[in-house]
All heavy atoms as atom14 arrays in JSON, in Angstrom:
{
  "sequence": "LVLLIDRHNIVSGTTTIHDRDGSLLGSFTLTAPLDAAL",
  "atom14_mask": [
    [1, 1, 1, 1, 1, 1, 1, 1, 0, 0, 0, 0, 0, 0],
    [1, 1, 1, 1, 1, 1, 1, 0, 0, 0, 0, 0, 0, 0],
    [1, 1, 1, 1, 1, 1, 1, 1, 0, 0, 0, 0, 0, 0],
    [1, 1, 1, 1, 1, 1, 1, 1, 0, 0, 0, 0, 0, 0],
    [1, 1, 1, 1, 1, 1, 1, 1, 0, 0, 0, 0, 0, 0],
    [1, 1, 1, 1, 1, 1, 1, 1, 0, 0, 0, 0, 0, 0],
    [1, 1, 1, 1, 1, 1, 1, 1, 1, 1, 1, 0, 0, 0],
    [1, 1, 1, 1, 1, 1, 1, 1, 1, 1, 0, 0, 0, 0],
    [1, 1, 1, 1, 1, 1, 1, 1, 0, 0, 0, 0, 0, 0],
    [1, 1, 1, 1, 1, 1, 1, 1, 0, 0, 0, 0, 0, 0],
    [1, 1, 1, 1, 1, 1, 1, 0, 0, 0, 0, 0, 0, 0],
    [1, 1, 1, 1, 1, 1, 0, 0, 0, 0, 0, 0, 0, 0],
    [1, 1, 1, 1, 0, 0, 0, 0, 0, 0, 0, 0, 0, 0],
    [1, 1, 1, 1, 1, 1, 1, 0, 0, 0, 0, 0, 0, 0],
    [1, 1, 1, 1, 1, 1, 1, 0, 0, 0, 0, 0, 0, 0],
    [1, 1, 1, 1, 1, 1, 1, 0, 0, 0, 0, 0, 0, 0],
    [1, 1, 1, 1, 1, 1, 1, 1, 0, 0, 0, 0, 0, 0],
    [1, 1, 1, 1, 1, 1, 1, 1, 1, 1, 0, 0, 0, 0],
    [1, 1, 1, 1, 1, 1, 1, 1, 0, 0, 0, 0, 0, 0],
    [1, 1, 1, 1, 1, 1, 1, 1, 1, 1, 1, 0, 0, 0],
    [1, 1, 1, 1, 1, 1, 1, 1, 0, 0, 0, 0, 0, 0],
    [1, 1, 1, 1, 0, 0, 0, 0, 0, 0, 0, 0, 0, 0],
    [1, 1, 1, 1, 1, 1, 0, 0, 0, 0, 0, 0, 0, 0],
    [1, 1, 1, 1, 1, 1, 1, 1, 0, 0, 0, 0, 0, 0],
    [1, 1, 1, 1, 1, 1, 1, 1, 0, 0, 0, 0, 0, 0],
    [1, 1, 1, 1, 0, 0, 0, 0, 0, 0, 0, 0, 0, 0],
    [1, 1, 1, 1, 1, 1, 0, 0, 0, 0, 0, 0, 0, 0],
    [1, 1, 1, 1, 1, 1, 1, 1, 1, 1, 1, 0, 0, 0],
    [1, 1, 1, 1, 1, 1, 1, 0, 0, 0, 0, 0, 0, 0],
    [1, 1, 1, 1, 1, 1, 1, 1, 0, 0, 0, 0, 0, 0],
    [1, 1, 1, 1, 1, 1, 1, 0, 0, 0, 0, 0, 0, 0],
    [1, 1, 1, 1, 1, 0, 0, 0, 0, 0, 0, 0, 0, 0],
    [1, 1, 1, 1, 1, 1, 1, 0, 0, 0, 0, 0, 0, 0],
    [1, 1, 1, 1, 1, 1, 1, 1, 0, 0, 0, 0, 0, 0],
    [1, 1, 1, 1, 1, 1, 1, 1, 0, 0, 0, 0, 0, 0],
    [1, 1, 1, 1, 1, 0, 0, 0, 0, 0, 0, 0, 0, 0],
    [1, 1, 1, 1, 1, 0, 0, 0, 0, 0, 0, 0, 0, 0],
    [1, 1, 1, 1, 1, 1, 1, 1, 0, 0, 0, 0, 0, 0]
  ],
  "atom14_positions": [
    [[79.64, 11.26, -120.67], [80.71, 10.32, -121.01], [82.02, 11.07, -121.01], [82.14, 12.13, -121.65], [80.48, 9.72, -122.41], [81.68, 8.98, -123.01], [81.92, 7.65, -122.31], [81.52, 8.78, -124.51], [0.0, 0.0, 0.0], [0.0, 0.0, 0.0], [0.0, 0.0, 0.0], [0.0, 0.0, 0.0], [0.0, 0.0, 0.0], [0.0, 0.0, 0.0]],
    [[83.01, 10.55, -120.31], [84.38, 11.06, -120.37], [85.23, 9.94, -120.95], [85.33, 8.86, -120.37], [84.91, 11.47, -118.99], [86.32, 12.03, -119.12], [84.0, 12.49, -118.33], [0.0, 0.0, 0.0], [0.0, 0.0, 0.0], [0.0, 0.0, 0.0], [0.0, 0.0, 0.0], [0.0, 0.0, 0.0], [0.0, 0.0, 0.0], [0.0, 0.0, 0.0]],
    [[85.84, 10.19, -122.1], [86.59, 9.17, -122.82], [88.04, 9.61, -122.94], [88.33, 10.69, -123.49], [85.99, 8.98, -124.22], [86.52, 7.81, -125.06], [86.02, 6.49, -124.47], [86.07, 7.96, -126.51], [0.0, 0.0, 0.0], [0.0, 0.0, 0.0], [0.0, 0.0, 0.0], [0.0, 0.0, 0.0], [0.0, 0.0, 0.0], [0.0, 0.0, 0.0]],
    [[88.96, 8.8, -122.42], [90.37, 9.15, -122.51], [90.88, 8.91, -123.93], [90.67, 7.84, -124.51], [91.2, 8.33, -121.53], [92.68, 8.72, -121.48], [92.87, 10.08, -120.81], [93.53, 7.67, -120.78], [0.0, 0.0, 0.0], [0.0, 0.0, 0.0], [0.0, 0.0, 0.0], [0.0, 0.0, 0.0], [0.0, 0.0, 0.0], [0.0, 0.0, 0.0]],
    [[91.54, 9.92, -124.47], [92.17, 9.81, -125.79], [93.66, 9.51, -125.64], [94.2, 8.64, -126.31], [91.97, 11.12, -126.59], [90.47, 11.49, -126.66], [92.57, 10.98, -127.98], [89.59, 10.44, -127.29], [0.0, 0.0, 0.0], [0.0, 0.0, 0.0], [0.0, 0.0, 0.0], [0.0, 0.0, 0.0], [0.0, 0.0, 0.0], [0.0, 0.0, 0.0]],
    [[94.31, 10.24, -124.74], [95.75, 10.05, -124.55], [96.16, 10.68, -123.23], [95.57, 11.68, -122.79], [96.52, 10.72, -125.7], [98.03, 10.56, -125.58], [98.48, 9.44, -125.28], [98.75, 11.55, -125.78], [0.0, 0.0, 0.0], [0.0, 0.0, 0.0], [0.0, 0.0, 0.0], [0.0, 0.0, 0.0], [0.0, 0.0, 0.0], [0.0, 0.0, 0.0]],
    [[97.15, 10.1, -122.57], [97.82, 10.77, -121.46], [99.31, 10.57, -121.66], [99.78, 9.46, -121.87], [97.33, 10.33, -120.08], [97.37, 8.88, -119.78], [96.79, 8.6, -118.39], [97.71, 8.95, -117.31], [97.32, 9.37, -116.11], [96.03, 9.54, -115.84], [98.2, 9.62, -115.16], [0.0, 0.0, 0.0], [0.0, 0.0, 0.0], [0.0, 0.0, 0.0]],
    [[100.03, 11.68, -121.62], [101.45, 11.67, -121.97], [102.27, 12.32, -120.86], [102.07, 13.49, -120.56], [101.66, 12.42, -123.29], [103.09, 12.57, -123.68], [103.86, 11.51, -124.11], [103.91, 13.67, -123.69], [105.09, 11.94, -124.38], [105.13, 13.24, -124.13], [0.0, 0.0, 0.0], [0.0, 0.0, 0.0], [0.0, 0.0, 0.0], [0.0, 0.0, 0.0]],
    [[103.13, 11.55, -120.25], [104.09, 12.07, -119.28], [103.41, 12.78, -118.11], [103.86, 13.82, -117.66], [105.09, 13.02, -119.98], [106.22, 13.48, -119.06], [106.72, 12.7, -118.24], [106.59, 14.74, -119.16], [0.0, 0.0, 0.0], [0.0, 0.0, 0.0], [0.0, 0.0, 0.0], [0.0, 0.0, 0.0], [0.0, 0.0, 0.0], [0.0, 0.0, 0.0]],
    [[102.32, 12.2, -117.61], [101.66, 12.81, -116.45], [101.45, 11.78, -115.35], [101.43, 10.56, -115.59], [100.3, 13.45, -116.8], [99.33, 12.38, -117.34], [100.45, 14.6, -117.75], [97.89, 12.88, -117.43], [0.0, 0.0, 0.0], [0.0, 0.0, 0.0], [0.0, 0.0, 0.0], [0.0, 0.0, 0.0], [0.0, 0.0, 0.0], [0.0, 0.0, 0.0]],
    [[101.29, 12.28, -114.14], [100.88, 11.46, -113.01], [99.6, 12.06, -112.43], [99.32, 13.25, -112.6], [101.97, 11.38, -111.92], [103.18, 10.63, -112.44], [102.37, 12.76, -111.45], [0.0, 0.0, 0.0], [0.0, 0.0, 0.0], [0.0, 0.0, 0.0], [0.0, 0.0, 0.0], [0.0, 0.0, 0.0], [0.0, 0.0, 0.0], [0.0, 0.0, 0.0]],
    [[98.83, 11.2, -111.75], [97.57, 11.56, -111.13], [96.48, 11.73, -112.2], [96.47, 11.02, -113.19], [97.7, 12.8, -110.24], [96.56, 12.92, -109.41], [0.0, 0.0, 0.0], [0.0, 0.0, 0.0], [0.0, 0.0, 0.0], [0.0, 0.0, 0.0], [0.0, 0.0, 0.0], [0.0, 0.0, 0.0], [0.0, 0.0, 0.0], [0.0, 0.0, 0.0]],
    [[95.55, 12.66, -112.01], [94.38, 12.73, -112.87], [93.36, 11.67, -112.49], [92.78, 11.0, -113.34], [0.0, 0.0, 0.0], [0.0, 0.0, 0.0], [0.0, 0.0, 0.0], [0.0, 0.0, 0.0], [0.0, 0.0, 0.0], [0.0, 0.0, 0.0], [0.0, 0.0, 0.0], [0.0, 0.0, 0.0], [0.0, 0.0, 0.0], [0.0, 0.0, 0.0]],
    [[93.12, 11.53, -111.2], [92.18, 10.54, -110.68], [90.77, 11.12, -110.65], [90.54, 12.2, -110.1], [92.58, 10.1, -109.26], [93.87, 9.47, -109.32], [91.57, 9.13, -108.68], [0.0, 0.0, 0.0], [0.0, 0.0, 0.0], [0.0, 0.0, 0.0], [0.0, 0.0, 0.0], [0.0, 0.0, 0.0], [0.0, 0.0, 0.0], [0.0, 0.0, 0.0]],
    [[89.83, 10.4, -111.24], [88.43, 10.79, -111.21], [87.82, 10.38, -109.89], [87.98, 9.23, -109.45], [87.67, 10.14, -112.37], [88.22, 10.58, -113.61], [86.19, 10.5, -112.33], [0.0, 0.0, 0.0], [0.0, 0.0, 0.0], [0.0, 0.0, 0.0], [0.0, 0.0, 0.0], [0.0, 0.0, 0.0], [0.0, 0.0, 0.0], [0.0, 0.0, 0.0]],
    [[87.12, 11.29, -109.24], [86.42, 10.99, -107.99], [84.93, 11.25, -108.18], [84.53, 12.2, -108.85], [86.95, 11.84, -106.82], [86.76, 13.23, -107.11], [88.43, 11.58, -106.6], [0.0, 0.0, 0.0], [0.0, 0.0, 0.0], [0.0, 0.0, 0.0], [0.0, 0.0, 0.0], [0.0, 0.0, 0.0], [0.0, 0.0, 0.0], [0.0, 0.0, 0.0]],
    [[84.12, 10.39, -107.59], [82.66, 10.48, -107.68], [82.12, 10.69, -106.27], [82.52, 9.99, -105.33], [82.05, 9.22, -108.3], [82.7, 8.89, -109.65], [80.54, 9.39, -108.45], [82.45, 9.88, -110.74], [0.0, 0.0, 0.0], [0.0, 0.0, 0.0], [0.0, 0.0, 0.0], [0.0, 0.0, 0.0], [0.0, 0.0, 0.0], [0.0, 0.0, 0.0]],
    [[81.2, 11.65, -106.14], [80.72, 12.04, -104.81], [79.2, 12.07, -104.76], [78.54, 12.4, -105.74], [81.26, 13.43, -104.46], [82.75, 13.53, -104.5], [83.53, 13.48, -103.37], [83.61, 13.68, -105.55], [84.81, 13.59, -103.71], [84.87, 13.7, -105.03], [0.0, 0.0, 0.0], [0.0, 0.0, 0.0], [0.0, 0.0, 0.0], [0.0, 0.0, 0.0]],
    [[78.68, 11.78, -103.57], [77.26, 11.93, -103.31], [76.94, 13.41, -103.11], [77.82, 14.25, -103.03], [76.89, 11.12, -102.06], [75.43, 10.67, -102.08], [74.66, 11.22, -102.88], [75.09, 9.77, -101.28], [0.0, 0.0, 0.0], [0.0, 0.0, 0.0], [0.0, 0.0, 0.0], [0.0, 0.0, 0.0], [0.0, 0.0, 0.0], [0.0, 0.0, 0.0]],
    [[75.65, 13.7, -103.0], [75.23, 15.1, -102.82], [75.8, 15.74, -101.57], [76.0, 16.95, -101.53], [73.69, 15.17, -102.8], [73.04, 14.84, -104.13], [71.52, 14.86, -104.01], [70.89, 14.53, -105.28], [70.57, 15.4, -106.21], [70.85, 16.69, -106.03], [69.99, 15.03, -107.33], [0.0, 0.0, 0.0], [0.0, 0.0, 0.0], [0.0, 0.0, 0.0]],
    [[76.06, 14.92, -100.54], [76.6, 15.47, -99.3], [78.13, 15.56, -99.31], [78.75, 15.93, -98.31], [76.15, 14.65, -98.09], [76.65, 13.2, -98.13], [77.43, 12.86, -99.06], [76.27, 12.42, -97.24], [0.0, 0.0, 0.0], [0.0, 0.0, 0.0], [0.0, 0.0, 0.0], [0.0, 0.0, 0.0], [0.0, 0.0, 0.0], [0.0, 0.0, 0.0]],
    [[78.74, 15.24, -100.48], [80.19, 15.32, -100.62], [80.93, 14.05, -100.31], [82.15, 13.97, -100.53], [0.0, 0.0, 0.0], [0.0, 0.0, 0.0], [0.0, 0.0, 0.0], [0.0, 0.0, 0.0], [0.0, 0.0, 0.0], [0.0, 0.0, 0.0], [0.0, 0.0, 0.0], [0.0, 0.0, 0.0], [0.0, 0.0, 0.0], [0.0, 0.0, 0.0]],
    [[80.26, 13.03, -99.79], [80.95, 11.78, -99.45], [81.42, 11.08, -100.72], [80.77, 11.11, -101.76], [80.03, 10.87, -98.65], [78.85, 10.57, -99.37], [0.0, 0.0, 0.0], [0.0, 0.0, 0.0], [0.0, 0.0, 0.0], [0.0, 0.0, 0.0], [0.0, 0.0, 0.0], [0.0, 0.0, 0.0], [0.0, 0.0, 0.0], [0.0, 0.0, 0.0]],
    [[82.59, 10.45, -100.62], [83.21, 9.78, -101.76], [82.51, 8.46, -102.05], [82.4, 7.59, -101.17], [84.69, 9.55, -101.48], [85.51, 8.91, -102.6], [85.62, 9.86, -103.8], [86.9, 8.54, -102.09], [0.0, 0.0, 0.0], [0.0, 0.0, 0.0], [0.0, 0.0, 0.0], [0.0, 0.0, 0.0], [0.0, 0.0, 0.0], [0.0, 0.0, 0.0]],
    [[82.06, 8.29, -103.28], [81.41, 7.06, -103.7], [82.35, 6.12, -104.43], [82.14, 4.91, -104.46], [80.21, 7.38, -104.6], [79.08, 8.19, -103.98], [78.02, 8.51, -105.03], [78.46, 7.46, -102.8], [0.0, 0.0, 0.0], [0.0, 0.0, 0.0], [0.0, 0.0, 0.0], [0.0, 0.0, 0.0], [0.0, 0.0, 0.0], [0.0, 0.0, 0.0]],
    [[83.38, 6.67, -105.06], [84.31, 5.85, -105.81], [85.37, 6.7, -106.47], [85.25, 7.93, -106.56], [0.0, 0.0, 0.0], [0.0, 0.0, 0.0], [0.0, 0.0, 0.0], [0.0, 0.0, 0.0], [0.0, 0.0, 0.0], [0.0, 0.0, 0.0], [0.0, 0.0, 0.0], [0.0, 0.0, 0.0], [0.0, 0.0, 0.0], [0.0, 0.0, 0.0]],
    [[86.45, 6.05, -106.92], [87.52, 6.75, -107.63], [88.23, 5.79, -108.55], [88.26, 4.57, -108.31], [88.51, 7.39, -106.65], [89.2, 6.39, -105.92], [0.0, 0.0, 0.0], [0.0, 0.0, 0.0], [0.0, 0.0, 0.0], [0.0, 0.0, 0.0], [0.0, 0.0, 0.0], [0.0, 0.0, 0.0], [0.0, 0.0, 0.0], [0.0, 0.0, 0.0]],
    [[88.77, 6.32, -109.64], [89.5, 5.52, -110.62], [90.3, 6.49, -111.49], [90.02, 7.69, -111.52], [88.54, 4.68, -111.49], [87.36, 5.46, -112.0], [87.45, 6.2, -113.17], [86.17, 5.47, -111.29], [86.36, 6.93, -113.64], [85.07, 6.21, -111.75], [85.17, 6.93, -112.92], [0.0, 0.0, 0.0], [0.0, 0.0, 0.0], [0.0, 0.0, 0.0]],
    [[91.28, 5.96, -112.19], [92.12, 6.78, -113.05], [92.05, 6.26, -114.48], [92.28, 5.07, -114.72], [93.59, 6.78, -112.56], [93.62, 7.22, -111.2], [94.44, 7.72, -113.4], [0.0, 0.0, 0.0], [0.0, 0.0, 0.0], [0.0, 0.0, 0.0], [0.0, 0.0, 0.0], [0.0, 0.0, 0.0], [0.0, 0.0, 0.0], [0.0, 0.0, 0.0]],
    [[91.71, 7.14, -115.41], [91.72, 6.79, -116.82], [93.17, 6.8, -117.29], [93.83, 7.83, -117.26], [90.9, 7.8, -117.62], [89.46, 8.06, -117.14], [88.77, 9.07, -118.05], [88.66, 6.77, -117.04], [0.0, 0.0, 0.0], [0.0, 0.0, 0.0], [0.0, 0.0, 0.0], [0.0, 0.0, 0.0], [0.0, 0.0, 0.0], [0.0, 0.0, 0.0]],
    [[93.67, 5.65, -117.69], [95.1, 5.53, -118.03], [95.37, 5.09, -119.46], [96.42, 5.39, -120.01], [95.8, 4.55, -117.08], [95.17, 3.26, -117.18], [95.72, 5.04, -115.64], [0.0, 0.0, 0.0], [0.0, 0.0, 0.0], [0.0, 0.0, 0.0], [0.0, 0.0, 0.0], [0.0, 0.0, 0.0], [0.0, 0.0, 0.0], [0.0, 0.0, 0.0]],
    [[94.44, 4.37, -120.09], [94.65, 3.83, -121.43], [93.64, 4.44, -122.39], [92.51, 4.76, -122.0], [94.51, 2.3, -121.42], [0.0, 0.0, 0.0], [0.0, 0.0, 0.0], [0.0, 0.0, 0.0], [0.0, 0.0, 0.0], [0.0, 0.0, 0.0], [0.0, 0.0, 0.0], [0.0, 0.0, 0.0], [0.0, 0.0, 0.0], [0.0, 0.0, 0.0]],
    [[94.02, 4.6, -123.67], [93.05, 5.11, -124.64], [91.75, 4.32, -124.61], [91.76, 3.09, -124.52], [93.78, 4.94, -125.97], [95.23, 5.03, -125.61], [95.34, 4.35, -124.28], [0.0, 0.0, 0.0], [0.0, 0.0, 0.0], [0.0, 0.0, 0.0], [0.0, 0.0, 0.0], [0.0, 0.0, 0.0], [0.0, 0.0, 0.0], [0.0, 0.0, 0.0]],
    [[90.63, 5.04, -124.63], [89.27, 4.52, -124.59], [88.81, 4.12, -123.19], [87.65, 3.71, -123.02], [89.06, 3.35, -125.57], [89.09, 3.73, -127.05], [89.04, 2.48, -127.92], [87.93, 4.65, -127.41], [0.0, 0.0, 0.0], [0.0, 0.0, 0.0], [0.0, 0.0, 0.0], [0.0, 0.0, 0.0], [0.0, 0.0, 0.0], [0.0, 0.0, 0.0]],
    [[89.66, 4.22, -122.17], [89.13, 4.13, -120.8], [88.05, 5.18, -120.67], [88.19, 6.31, -121.16], [90.23, 4.41, -119.77], [91.1, 3.2, -119.46], [90.88, 2.14, -120.06], [92.0, 3.35, -118.6], [0.0, 0.0, 0.0], [0.0, 0.0, 0.0], [0.0, 0.0, 0.0], [0.0, 0.0, 0.0], [0.0, 0.0, 0.0], [0.0, 0.0, 0.0]],
    [[86.95, 4.84, -119.99], [85.8, 5.74, -119.98], [85.15, 5.8, -118.61], [85.17, 4.83, -117.84], [84.77, 5.29, -121.02], [0.0, 0.0, 0.0], [0.0, 0.0, 0.0], [0.0, 0.0, 0.0], [0.0, 0.0, 0.0], [0.0, 0.0, 0.0], [0.0, 0.0, 0.0], [0.0, 0.0, 0.0], [0.0, 0.0, 0.0], [0.0, 0.0, 0.0]],
    [[84.56, 6.95, -118.34], [83.68, 7.13, -117.19], [82.32, 7.54, -117.72], [82.22, 8.46, -118.54], [84.23, 8.2, -116.26], [0.0, 0.0, 0.0], [0.0, 0.0, 0.0], [0.0, 0.0, 0.0], [0.0, 0.0, 0.0], [0.0, 0.0, 0.0], [0.0, 0.0, 0.0], [0.0, 0.0, 0.0], [0.0, 0.0, 0.0], [0.0, 0.0, 0.0]],
    [[81.28, 6.87, -117.26], [79.91, 7.26, -117.57], [79.24, 7.66, -116.27], [79.34, 6.97, -115.26], [79.16, 6.12, -118.25], [79.62, 5.92, -119.69], [80.43, 4.64, -119.8], [78.44, 5.89, -120.64], [0.0, 0.0, 0.0], [0.0, 0.0, 0.0], [0.0, 0.0, 0.0], [0.0, 0.0, 0.0], [0.0, 0.0, 0.0], [0.0, 0.0, 0.0]]
  ]
}
């Protein structure tokens, strides 16, 4: 579990998810408190 607590004065920080061969399966950015990646 990755749980966002705060982000202050930053840009980017995009989470990327990849298959075993490195191919991109998805991406999203945690921007608000309690946004989460499981």
